């Protein structure tokens, strides 16, 4: 992926973080499981881009494994495709939105609606990728 597209994605992610203070982290992954960008909220006004390939690969593997597990589960029921995985926890909520062009992993504080953010992000970024 070229740097111009990555810069556009960075600005979109920064805007998403500014609009929603409950977001803790967003990771963008290709459908093939390759990490694109990952941003983490360090403080109320501070964002950082994670560039450590080990960490990026772990998030990509988590999203890919979750999607694969979801696909296998649904395939036993019908021919449906996984579009969204949403897990609510005590300390954070996690959503993984899947589209043909992108997998978005969004982590928020509890009740932060990561599922809505992830789906909206996928829709918005579909045109960029």
Protein backbone atom coordinates (compact mmCIF):
# COMPACT_ATOMS: atom_id res chain seq x y z
CA UNK A 1 0.00 0.00 0.00
CA UNK A 2 1.49 3.35 -0.97
CA UNK A 3 2.22 6.14 1.50
CA UNK A 4 -0.35 8.54 0.03
CA UNK A 5 -3.20 6.14 0.79
CA UNK A 6 -1.77 5.44 4.26
CA UNK A 7 -1.63 9.19 4.96
CA UNK A 8 -5.30 9.54 3.95
CA UNK A 9 -6.18 6.62 6.23
CA UNK A 10 -4.21 8.20 9.09
CA UNK A 11 -6.17 11.45 8.82
CA UNK A 12 -9.48 9.56 8.74
CA UNK A 13 -8.53 7.52 11.81
CA UNK A 14 -7.40 10.62 13.70
CA UNK A 15 -10.77 12.23 12.95
CA UNK A 16 -12.65 9.12 14.15
CA UNK A 17 -10.68 9.18 17.42
CA UNK A 18 -11.45 12.90 17.88
CA UNK A 19 -15.18 12.32 17.38
CA UNK A 20 -15.42 9.45 19.87
CA UNK A 21 -13.53 9.65 23.15
CA UNK A 22 -14.47 6.07 24.09
CA UNK A 23 -12.28 4.51 21.39
CA UNK A 24 -9.12 2.92 22.80
CA UNK A 25 -7.67 1.38 19.63
CA UNK A 26 -8.34 0.87 15.91
CA UNK A 27 -6.48 -1.59 13.73
CA UNK A 28 -6.97 -1.88 9.97
CA UNK A 29 -6.11 -5.18 8.30
CA UNK A 30 -6.30 -6.42 4.71
CA UNK A 31 -8.66 -9.34 3.97
CA UNK A 32 -5.51 -11.44 3.51
CA UNK A 33 -4.53 -10.76 7.13
CA UNK A 34 -1.80 -8.16 6.57
CA UNK A 35 -1.70 -5.17 8.96
CA UNK A 36 -2.28 -1.73 7.42
CA UNK A 37 -2.42 0.74 10.33
CA UNK A 38 -3.00 0.55 14.08
CA UNK A 39 -3.66 3.54 16.33
CA UNK A 40 -3.84 3.55 20.12
CA UNK A 41 -5.18 6.23 22.46
CA UNK A 42 -2.47 6.93 25.03
CA UNK A 43 -4.26 9.71 26.88
CA UNK A 44 -7.32 11.89 26.49
CA UNK A 45 -5.74 13.93 23.70
CA UNK A 46 -2.82 11.71 22.70
CA UNK A 47 -2.81 9.19 19.88
CA UNK A 48 0.06 7.03 18.80
CA UNK A 49 0.56 4.90 15.75
CA UNK A 50 1.82 1.43 16.61
CA UNK A 51 4.64 0.47 14.27
CA UNK A 52 6.03 -2.60 16.06
CA UNK A 53 5.55 -5.40 13.53
CA UNK A 54 5.15 -8.01 16.27
CA UNK A 55 2.22 -6.17 17.81
CA UNK A 56 0.68 -5.39 14.41
CA UNK A 57 0.92 -9.02 13.37
CA UNK A 58 -0.73 -10.19 16.62
CA UNK A 59 -3.73 -7.90 16.05
CA UNK A 60 -3.95 -8.99 12.42
CA UNK A 61 -3.80 -12.65 13.51
CA UNK A 62 -6.49 -12.05 16.15
CA UNK A 63 -8.82 -10.44 13.61
CA UNK A 64 -8.09 -13.12 11.02
CA UNK A 65 -8.59 -15.99 13.46
CA UNK A 66 -11.84 -14.48 14.77
CA UNK A 67 -13.13 -14.02 11.24
CA UNK A 68 -12.17 -17.56 10.26
CA UNK A 69 -13.83 -18.99 13.35
CA UNK A 70 -16.94 -16.93 12.65
CA UNK A 71 -17.00 -18.11 9.02
CA UNK A 72 -16.73 -21.76 10.07
CA UNK A 73 -19.47 -21.33 12.65
CA UNK A 74 -21.82 -19.71 10.16
CA UNK A 75 -21.01 -22.19 7.41
CA UNK A 76 -22.36 -24.99 9.60
CA UNK A 77 -25.64 -23.11 9.83
CA UNK A 78 -26.00 -21.72 6.33
CA UNK A 79 -24.09 -20.02 3.55
CA UNK A 80 -23.96 -16.68 5.36
CA UNK A 81 -20.78 -14.62 5.53
CA UNK A 82 -19.38 -13.05 8.68
CA UNK A 83 -19.85 -9.31 8.58
CA UNK A 84 -19.36 -8.37 12.21
CA UNK A 85 -18.05 -9.93 15.41
CA UNK A 86 -18.86 -8.05 18.62
CA UNK A 87 -17.57 -9.00 22.08
CA UNK A 88 -18.63 -7.11 25.19
CA UNK A 89 -16.37 -7.33 28.22
CA UNK A 90 -15.99 -5.85 31.67
CA UNK A 91 -13.18 -3.46 30.80
CA UNK A 92 -13.56 -3.08 27.03
CA UNK A 93 -15.76 -3.89 24.06
CA UNK A 94 -14.29 -5.22 20.82
CA UNK A 95 -15.75 -5.33 17.33
CA UNK A 96 -14.33 -6.77 14.14
CA UNK A 97 -16.06 -5.61 10.96
CA UNK A 98 -15.35 -7.55 7.78
CA UNK A 99 -15.77 -6.37 4.21
CA UNK A 100 -14.26 -7.62 0.93
CA UNK A 101 -11.67 -4.80 1.10
CA UNK A 102 -10.89 -4.40 4.79
CA UNK A 103 -11.07 -5.82 8.31
CA UNK A 104 -11.44 -3.20 11.06
CA UNK A 105 -10.75 -4.08 14.68
CA UNK A 106 -12.12 -1.46 17.09
CA UNK A 107 -11.65 -1.48 20.87
CA UNK A 108 -13.68 0.88 23.05
CA UNK A 109 -14.54 1.39 26.67
CA UNK A 110 -17.57 -0.67 27.81
CA UNK A 111 -20.76 0.35 25.99
CA UNK A 112 -18.72 2.36 23.47
CA UNK A 113 -20.51 0.83 20.45
CA UNK A 114 -17.42 -0.50 18.66
CA UNK A 115 -19.68 -2.42 16.28
CA UNK A 116 -21.22 0.78 14.92
CA UNK A 117 -17.83 2.49 14.66
CA UNK A 118 -16.23 -0.50 12.90
CA UNK A 119 -19.03 -0.84 10.34
CA UNK A 120 -19.11 2.89 9.64
CA UNK A 121 -15.32 2.93 9.28
CA UNK A 122 -15.40 0.02 6.81
CA UNK A 123 -18.05 1.78 4.75
CA UNK A 124 -16.11 5.05 4.74
CA UNK A 125 -12.78 3.43 3.88
CA UNK A 126 -14.17 1.16 1.15
CA UNK A 127 -13.77 3.95 -1.37
CA UNK A 128 -10.13 4.57 -0.33
CA UNK A 129 -8.89 1.00 -0.78
